[in-house]
Amino acid sequence: MAGSSAKAPLAGTPSLLRAINDRAALELLLANGPLSRTQIGSLTGLSKPTASQLLARLEAAGLVVPVGTTAGGPGPNAQLYQVNPAAGYVAGLDVTPSGIRVAVADITGTTLAEHTEPTKGVPAAETVAVAAAATAKVVRAVGLPEGSLRTVAIGIGGAPDPVTGKLRYASHLPGWHSPRLVEELTEAIGAPVSIENDVNLAAVAEQAGGAAAGHEDFVLLWAGAGVGAAIVIAGRLYRGFTGVAGEVGYMPVPGAPIEWDARRRSHGGFQDMVGAQAVRALAREYGLGAPTAEESIARALETPDAGDAFLTELARRLAVGLAAIVTVLDPRLVVLSGAVPSAGGERLRALVEDELARISIARPPVRSSALSGSPVLLGALQRALADAREAVFSTH
């Protein structure tokens, strides 16, 4: 047949281009705040008529709203638009042995309310119900009706199995080990739920607006009651084949006892060098004992000589573990987070950077977390927002 070799035009191309332009405009509004039609056209390269049509579509879909006009320039004032905060709502949860911290945010990322629900003494069988009730309490607190949440992200100290979904390495969190945990939480909360390792979510938060902003290759080391790491390569979290990449608390390091049956591990490895209990024990050796690791470090910062020696030894221990990590990964940046580095502040950070440079071929800069509040909760909200925006912005 004549002309059979000619390519047919791609079906749906105009609608695809509209969808791409609409999404680009929404991302610009999220990043820059209210913009006029002219500004959107300039930033996207669209003509004024096309930008006007785009805004009309988004306004009709309830995704943008007018919010006043420009002022102070020549000519008539121009209408400004912003993403409609009511286009969707999300929740983030930070699960610890002592409680569940919940926050609700609108689609723009503005946090509307937070609440911490104590869980000590709660029977394991009631864990899902308590998490759902805590989430519902925050939803009601901001005046939203039941069923308002688009997505929910939960940060937890364990590693969800990528095949079964069952949570591993989290014996300290009774009630969170059901093989149907995600399904049970989704049903109880009434919105799609995702579960992510808490340290991974801390890295998500640092990349979004913290010490790792603008960096696509970095490692976050978390040291507190538990010890873990998050690995970001080419802008994406690296979880490993079985989902346990970053479980460095189990990592054998010089100076720490080795548990030769890792499946029954109760001690040993990097955790026994820099975890909160190890920090308290080290502080006692220098006469700086206190009820918590944070208080021990605070005493060290105020105590010449003994405090300096303690902080130097703690920095060396942190550097030993970091040296193993950065020698393999060669990251652009290391971020320190968790209760131990936070308590040590700039003094401990500088010591860790110096000690790492002494023993490692790879010598990335070391930064402290630049976030206020719970990094895990902030990361959970970022993860939930990414999922919600994909659903809301792609289906209008």
Protein backbone atom coordinates (compact mmCIF):
# COMPACT_ATOMS: atom_id res chain seq x y z
CA MET A 1 0.00 0.00 0.00
CA ALA A 2 1.35 3.39 -0.96
CA GLY A 3 2.50 5.43 1.98
CA SER A 4 2.46 2.44 4.38
CA SER A 5 5.96 3.32 5.61
CA ALA A 6 4.92 6.80 6.79
CA LYS A 7 4.68 7.22 10.56
CA ALA A 8 1.25 7.98 11.95
CA PRO A 9 1.03 10.98 14.26
CA LEU A 10 1.22 10.10 17.94
CA ALA A 11 -2.26 9.87 19.38
CA GLY A 12 -2.99 12.11 22.32
CA THR A 13 0.03 14.35 21.83
CA PRO A 14 -1.86 17.61 22.55
CA SER A 15 -3.29 16.22 25.80
CA LEU A 16 0.13 14.90 26.79
CA LEU A 17 1.69 18.31 26.23
CA ARG A 18 -1.08 19.95 28.25
CA ALA A 19 -0.47 17.52 31.09
CA ILE A 20 3.28 18.23 31.00
CA ASN A 21 2.72 21.99 30.97
CA ASP A 22 0.15 21.81 33.75
CA ARG A 23 2.48 19.79 35.96
CA ALA A 24 5.38 22.15 35.26
CA ALA A 25 3.24 25.14 36.25
CA LEU A 26 2.11 23.46 39.46
CA GLU A 27 5.70 22.64 40.42
CA LEU A 28 6.70 26.25 39.76
CA LEU A 29 3.88 27.52 41.95
CA LEU A 30 4.90 25.15 44.75
CA ALA A 31 8.53 26.24 44.52
CA ASN A 32 8.02 29.99 44.04
CA GLY A 33 4.72 30.87 45.64
CA PRO A 34 2.06 33.00 43.95
CA LEU A 35 2.79 33.81 40.30
CA SER A 36 1.01 35.79 37.62
CA ARG A 37 0.04 34.50 34.19
CA THR A 38 2.93 36.44 32.66
CA GLN A 39 5.42 35.01 35.16
CA ILE A 40 4.23 31.46 34.53
CA GLY A 41 4.48 32.01 30.81
CA SER A 42 8.00 33.39 31.15
CA LEU A 43 9.20 30.55 33.40
CA THR A 44 7.67 27.81 31.25
CA GLY A 45 8.26 29.40 27.85
CA LEU A 46 4.53 29.34 27.07
CA SER A 47 2.72 32.10 25.21
CA LYS A 48 0.30 34.33 27.10
CA PRO A 49 -2.80 32.68 25.54
CA THR A 50 -1.47 29.20 26.35
CA ALA A 51 -0.61 30.24 29.92
CA SER A 52 -4.11 31.67 30.31
CA GLN A 53 -5.69 28.43 29.10
CA LEU A 54 -3.45 26.46 31.46
CA LEU A 55 -4.48 28.52 34.47
CA ALA A 56 -8.14 28.26 33.51
CA ARG A 57 -7.85 24.45 33.39
CA LEU A 58 -6.09 24.27 36.73
CA GLU A 59 -8.55 26.65 38.38
CA ALA A 60 -11.53 24.68 37.03
CA ALA A 61 -9.96 21.50 38.42
CA GLY A 62 -9.58 23.11 41.85
CA LEU A 63 -5.79 22.92 41.75
CA VAL A 64 -5.03 26.64 41.76
CA VAL A 65 -6.80 29.64 43.26
CA PRO A 66 -6.43 33.40 42.74
CA VAL A 67 -4.76 35.13 45.70
CA GLY A 68 -4.69 38.86 44.99
CA THR A 69 -2.79 40.91 42.49
CA THR A 70 0.65 42.34 41.87
CA ALA A 71 1.24 45.89 42.99
CA GLY A 72 3.77 48.65 42.51
CA GLY A 73 4.65 48.05 38.87
CA PRO A 74 3.74 49.98 35.74
CA GLY A 75 0.43 49.20 34.08
CA PRO A 76 -2.59 47.38 35.53
CA ASN A 77 -2.10 44.95 38.39
CA ALA A 78 -1.91 41.29 37.39
CA GLN A 79 -3.83 38.45 39.02
CA LEU A 80 -1.68 36.10 41.12
CA TYR A 81 -2.32 32.38 41.48
CA GLN A 82 -1.15 29.73 43.95
CA VAL A 83 -1.65 26.01 44.39
CA ASN A 84 -4.94 25.41 46.19
CA PRO A 85 -4.03 24.10 49.68
CA ALA A 86 -7.36 22.24 49.82
CA ALA A 87 -6.50 20.16 46.74
CA GLY A 88 -5.29 17.40 49.04
CA TYR A 89 -4.08 16.53 52.53
CA VAL A 90 -1.50 14.05 53.78
CA ALA A 91 -0.25 12.65 57.07
CA GLY A 92 3.19 11.60 58.24
CA LEU A 93 3.91 9.35 61.22
CA ASP A 94 7.13 8.87 63.20
CA VAL A 95 6.94 5.60 65.16
CA THR A 96 9.20 5.07 68.19
CA PRO A 97 9.05 2.65 71.14
CA SER A 98 7.57 5.39 73.33
CA GLY A 99 5.01 6.93 71.01
CA ILE A 100 3.61 7.79 67.61
CA ARG A 101 4.09 11.34 66.39
CA VAL A 102 1.58 12.42 63.73
CA ALA A 103 1.49 15.50 61.50
CA VAL A 104 -1.03 16.55 58.86
CA ALA A 105 -0.12 18.86 55.97
CA ASP A 106 -1.91 20.32 52.98
CA ILE A 107 -0.78 19.73 49.39
CA THR A 108 1.49 22.79 49.50
CA GLY A 109 3.52 21.20 52.30
CA THR A 110 2.26 23.48 55.08
CA THR A 111 2.01 21.53 58.33
CA LEU A 112 -1.39 22.14 59.89
CA ALA A 113 -1.13 20.24 63.20
CA GLU A 114 0.96 17.71 65.11
CA HIS A 115 0.21 15.30 67.94
CA THR A 116 2.20 12.69 69.87
CA GLU A 117 0.35 9.63 71.13
CA PRO A 118 2.15 7.74 73.95
CA THR A 119 2.24 3.99 73.28
CA LYS A 120 4.12 2.51 76.23
CA GLY A 121 2.01 -0.30 77.65
CA VAL A 122 -0.25 -0.50 74.60
CA PRO A 123 -0.91 -4.18 73.75
CA ALA A 124 0.63 -5.27 70.46
CA ALA A 125 -2.78 -6.28 69.13
CA GLU A 126 -3.97 -2.67 69.46
CA THR A 127 -1.06 -1.00 67.66
CA VAL A 128 -2.82 -0.49 64.33
CA ALA A 129 -5.94 0.85 66.02
CA VAL A 130 -3.90 3.29 68.11
CA ALA A 131 -2.03 4.56 65.04
CA ALA A 132 -5.32 5.06 63.19
CA ALA A 133 -6.92 6.82 66.16
CA ALA A 134 -3.93 9.15 66.58
CA THR A 135 -4.09 10.06 62.90
CA ALA A 136 -7.84 10.66 63.06
CA LYS A 137 -7.34 12.91 66.08
CA VAL A 138 -5.03 15.22 64.12
CA VAL A 139 -7.36 15.22 61.11
CA ARG A 140 -10.23 16.34 63.36
CA ALA A 141 -8.01 18.93 65.07
CA VAL A 142 -7.55 20.81 61.79
CA GLY A 143 -11.26 20.66 60.99
CA LEU A 144 -11.08 18.13 58.17
CA PRO A 145 -13.78 15.52 57.61
CA GLU A 146 -13.07 11.81 57.80
CA GLY A 147 -11.57 10.50 54.57
CA SER A 148 -9.72 13.73 53.73
CA LEU A 149 -6.24 12.20 53.57
CA ARG A 150 -4.83 11.34 50.16
CA THR A 151 -1.78 9.43 51.40
CA VAL A 152 -0.02 8.53 54.65
CA ALA A 153 3.70 7.78 55.07
CA ILE A 154 5.09 6.11 58.18
CA GLY A 155 8.71 6.18 59.35
CA ILE A 156 9.75 3.27 61.54
CA GLY A 157 12.98 1.85 62.94
CA GLY A 158 13.17 -1.28 60.83
CA ALA A 159 13.45 -2.51 57.27
CA PRO A 160 10.29 -3.47 55.37
CA ASP A 161 10.94 -6.60 53.31
CA PRO A 162 10.53 -5.58 49.64
CA VAL A 163 8.88 -8.94 48.81
CA THR A 164 6.70 -9.76 51.81
CA GLY A 165 6.25 -6.26 53.26
CA LYS A 166 6.95 -7.64 56.73
CA LEU A 167 9.00 -5.40 59.02
CA ARG A 168 12.40 -6.78 60.02
CA TYR A 169 15.02 -5.70 62.56
CA ALA A 170 12.36 -4.08 64.74
CA SER A 171 11.92 -6.31 67.76
CA HIS A 172 11.76 -3.12 69.85
CA LEU A 173 8.41 -2.25 68.22
CA PRO A 174 5.80 -4.85 69.19
CA GLY A 175 2.67 -4.85 67.08
CA TRP A 176 4.36 -3.73 63.86
CA HIS A 177 5.25 -7.14 62.42
CA SER A 178 2.11 -8.35 60.70
CA PRO A 179 2.73 -9.56 57.12
CA ARG A 180 -0.39 -7.53 56.21
CA LEU A 181 0.70 -4.42 58.09
CA VAL A 182 0.32 -2.00 55.17
CA GLU A 183 -3.11 -3.37 54.27
CA GLU A 184 -4.27 -3.26 57.89
CA LEU A 185 -3.09 0.34 58.34
CA THR A 186 -4.61 1.42 55.03
CA GLU A 187 -7.97 -0.02 56.03
CA ALA A 188 -7.86 1.42 59.56
CA ILE A 189 -6.71 4.91 58.54
CA GLY A 190 -8.80 5.09 55.37
CA ALA A 191 -6.01 6.22 53.03
CA PRO A 192 -3.15 4.57 51.13
CA VAL A 193 -0.23 3.92 53.51
CA SER A 194 3.47 3.47 52.78
CA ILE A 195 6.11 2.42 55.30
CA GLU A 196 9.75 3.47 55.10
CA ASN A 197 12.81 3.10 57.29
CA ASP A 198 13.03 6.09 59.64
CA VAL A 199 16.65 6.97 58.81
CA ASN A 200 15.83 6.88 55.10
CA LEU A 201 13.07 9.41 55.72
CA ALA A 202 15.47 11.62 57.67
CA ALA A 203 17.63 11.68 54.53
CA VAL A 204 14.58 12.56 52.41
CA ALA A 205 13.97 15.55 54.68
CA GLU A 206 17.61 16.69 54.58
CA GLN A 207 17.61 16.50 50.78
CA ALA A 208 14.33 18.42 50.51
CA GLY A 209 15.31 21.34 52.71
CA GLY A 210 18.17 20.53 55.05
CA ALA A 211 21.91 19.98 55.02
CA ALA A 212 21.81 17.89 51.82
CA ALA A 213 19.67 20.28 49.76
CA GLY A 214 21.03 20.39 46.23
CA HIS A 215 23.05 17.17 46.65
CA GLU A 216 22.24 13.94 44.81
CA ASP A 217 24.95 11.74 46.36
CA PHE A 218 25.28 11.66 50.13
CA VAL A 219 25.18 9.48 53.22
CA LEU A 220 23.28 10.30 56.37
CA LEU A 221 24.54 8.70 59.58
CA TRP A 222 22.02 8.52 62.40
CA ALA A 223 23.21 7.88 65.95
CA GLY A 224 20.85 7.77 68.90
CA ALA A 225 19.15 4.92 70.71
CA GLY A 226 19.75 3.09 67.43
CA VAL A 227 22.39 3.53 64.75
CA GLY A 228 21.69 3.51 61.03
CA ALA A 229 22.59 5.10 57.73
CA ALA A 230 20.71 6.25 54.65
CA ILE A 231 22.34 6.15 51.24
CA VAL A 232 21.30 8.48 48.42
CA ILE A 233 22.79 7.85 44.96
CA ALA A 234 21.87 9.96 41.92
CA GLY A 235 19.10 11.56 43.94
CA ARG A 236 17.42 8.29 44.92
CA LEU A 237 17.45 6.25 48.11
CA TYR A 238 19.42 3.05 47.82
CA ARG A 239 17.75 0.29 49.85
CA GLY A 240 19.70 -2.74 48.66
CA PHE A 241 18.49 -6.04 47.24
CA THR A 242 16.70 -7.12 50.43
CA GLY A 243 15.96 -3.65 51.76
CA VAL A 244 18.55 -3.59 54.54
CA ALA A 245 21.16 -1.25 53.03
CA GLY A 246 22.16 1.18 55.76
CA GLU A 247 21.67 -1.13 58.75
CA VAL A 248 25.16 -0.16 59.89
CA GLY A 249 24.41 -0.75 63.55
CA TYR A 250 25.18 -4.39 62.71
CA MET A 251 28.43 -3.49 60.91
CA PRO A 252 31.58 -5.04 62.44
CA VAL A 253 34.10 -2.33 63.27
CA PRO A 254 37.45 -2.32 65.08
CA GLY A 255 37.00 -2.07 68.83
CA ALA A 256 33.49 -3.54 68.92
CA PRO A 257 32.58 -7.13 69.81
CA ILE A 258 31.43 -9.27 66.90
CA GLU A 259 28.22 -11.30 67.12
CA TRP A 260 28.90 -14.41 65.06
CA ASP A 261 25.24 -15.36 64.69
CA ALA A 262 23.75 -12.23 63.14
CA ARG A 263 20.27 -13.77 63.03
CA ARG A 264 20.22 -13.87 66.84
CA ARG A 265 22.19 -10.68 67.31
CA SER A 266 21.70 -8.91 70.63
CA HIS A 267 24.93 -6.91 70.76
CA GLY A 268 28.11 -6.16 68.88
CA GLY A 269 29.08 -4.01 65.91
CA PHE A 270 28.93 -0.26 65.36
CA GLN A 271 25.86 0.08 67.60
CA ASP A 272 27.98 -0.92 70.59
CA MET A 273 30.46 1.84 69.76
CA VAL A 274 28.29 4.91 69.18
CA GLY A 275 24.72 4.08 70.21
CA ALA A 276 23.22 5.96 73.16
CA GLN A 277 24.08 3.24 75.69
CA ALA A 278 27.67 3.12 74.48
CA VAL A 279 27.93 6.92 74.70
CA ARG A 280 26.70 6.86 78.31
CA ALA A 281 29.20 4.13 79.19
CA LEU A 282 32.04 6.05 77.56
CA ALA A 283 31.05 9.22 79.41
CA ARG A 284 31.22 7.41 82.75
CA GLU A 285 34.81 6.42 81.97
CA TYR A 286 35.66 10.14 81.79
CA GLY A 287 33.67 11.08 84.89
CA LEU A 288 30.85 12.59 82.83
CA GLY A 289 28.08 10.12 83.59
CA ALA A 290 24.49 11.32 83.18
CA PRO A 291 21.03 9.75 82.79
CA THR A 292 21.05 10.15 78.99
CA ALA A 293 23.60 10.30 76.20
CA GLU A 294 22.51 13.85 75.38
CA GLU A 295 23.09 14.99 78.96
CA SER A 296 26.48 13.27 79.03
CA ILE A 297 27.53 15.13 75.88
CA ALA A 298 26.22 18.41 77.30
CA ARG A 299 28.40 17.90 80.38
CA ALA A 300 31.40 17.19 78.16
CA LEU A 301 30.89 20.42 76.24
CA GLU A 302 31.05 22.33 79.52
CA THR A 303 34.00 20.42 81.00
CA PRO A 304 37.58 21.20 79.88
CA ASP A 305 40.12 18.41 79.57
CA ALA A 306 37.90 15.41 80.42
CA GLY A 307 35.19 16.69 78.11
CA ASP A 308 37.68 17.27 75.29
CA ALA A 309 39.10 13.77 75.66
CA PHE A 310 35.62 12.21 75.72
CA LEU A 311 34.44 14.09 72.63
CA THR A 312 37.62 13.21 70.74
CA GLU A 313 37.17 9.51 71.52
CA LEU A 314 33.50 9.65 70.51
CA ALA A 315 34.45 11.39 67.26
CA ARG A 316 37.05 8.70 66.56
CA ARG A 317 34.47 5.99 67.04
CA LEU A 318 32.03 7.70 64.68
CA ALA A 319 34.83 8.23 62.16
CA VAL A 320 35.79 4.53 62.19
CA GLY A 321 32.31 3.53 61.09
CA LEU A 322 32.06 6.37 58.61
CA ALA A 323 35.41 5.43 57.08
CA ALA A 324 34.08 1.99 56.15
CA ILE A 325 30.97 3.56 54.61
CA VAL A 326 32.59 6.37 52.62
CA THR A 327 35.46 4.22 51.37
CA VAL A 328 32.93 1.96 49.64
CA LEU A 329 30.47 4.63 48.48
CA ASP A 330 32.65 7.75 48.01
CA PRO A 331 29.71 10.12 48.65
CA ARG A 332 29.74 13.84 47.94
CA LEU A 333 28.62 14.61 51.48
CA VAL A 334 28.05 13.11 54.93
CA VAL A 335 25.21 14.37 57.14
CA LEU A 336 25.16 13.62 60.87
CA SER A 337 21.75 13.28 62.49
CA GLY A 338 20.10 11.76 65.53
CA ALA A 339 20.30 12.53 69.23
CA VAL A 340 24.05 11.97 69.65
CA PRO A 341 25.34 14.25 66.84
CA SER A 342 22.65 16.84 67.63
CA ALA A 343 23.79 17.02 71.25
CA GLY A 344 27.43 17.39 70.17
CA GLY A 345 26.65 20.19 67.75
CA GLU A 346 29.39 21.95 65.81
CA ARG A 347 32.12 20.81 68.21
CA LEU A 348 31.48 17.12 67.63
CA ARG A 349 30.88 17.62 63.89
CA ALA A 350 34.25 19.30 63.41
CA LEU A 351 36.02 16.57 65.39
CA VAL A 352 34.34 13.83 63.32
CA GLU A 353 35.33 15.54 60.08
CA ASP A 354 38.94 15.85 61.25
CA GLU A 355 39.14 12.24 62.46
CA LEU A 356 37.56 10.93 59.26
CA ALA A 357 40.10 12.83 57.15
CA ARG A 358 42.92 11.19 59.14
CA ILE A 359 41.88 7.58 58.44
CA SER A 360 39.92 7.59 55.17
CA ILE A 361 40.99 7.99 51.56
CA ALA A 362 37.54 9.41 50.77
CA ARG A 363 37.19 12.70 52.64
CA PRO A 364 33.73 14.15 52.04
CA PRO A 365 32.64 17.21 54.00
CA VAL A 366 30.68 16.39 57.14
CA ARG A 367 27.63 18.49 57.99
CA SER A 368 25.21 18.49 60.88
CA SER A 369 21.49 18.15 60.30
CA ALA A 370 19.95 21.50 59.39
CA LEU A 371 16.39 20.59 60.38
CA SER A 372 14.33 21.61 63.38
CA GLY A 373 11.78 19.21 64.77
CA SER A 374 11.71 15.50 63.95
CA PRO A 375 13.65 14.75 60.73
CA VAL A 376 11.77 11.46 60.44
CA LEU A 377 8.38 13.16 60.64
CA LEU A 378 9.44 15.80 58.12
CA GLY A 379 10.65 13.08 55.78
CA ALA A 380 7.41 11.15 56.18
CA LEU A 381 5.46 14.25 55.16
CA GLN A 382 7.75 14.75 52.15
CA ARG A 383 7.19 11.15 51.06
CA ALA A 384 3.42 11.44 51.50
CA LEU A 385 3.37 14.74 49.62
CA ALA A 386 5.28 13.27 46.68
CA ASP A 387 2.77 10.43 46.40
CA ALA A 388 -0.23 12.73 46.83
CA ARG A 389 0.97 15.26 44.27
CA GLU A 390 1.59 12.51 41.76
CA ALA A 391 -1.98 11.29 42.24
CA VAL A 392 -3.68 14.73 42.36
CA PHE A 393 -1.68 16.57 39.72
CA SER A 394 -1.71 13.72 37.21
CA THR A 395 -5.44 12.96 37.20
CA HIS A 396 -7.17 16.31 36.86
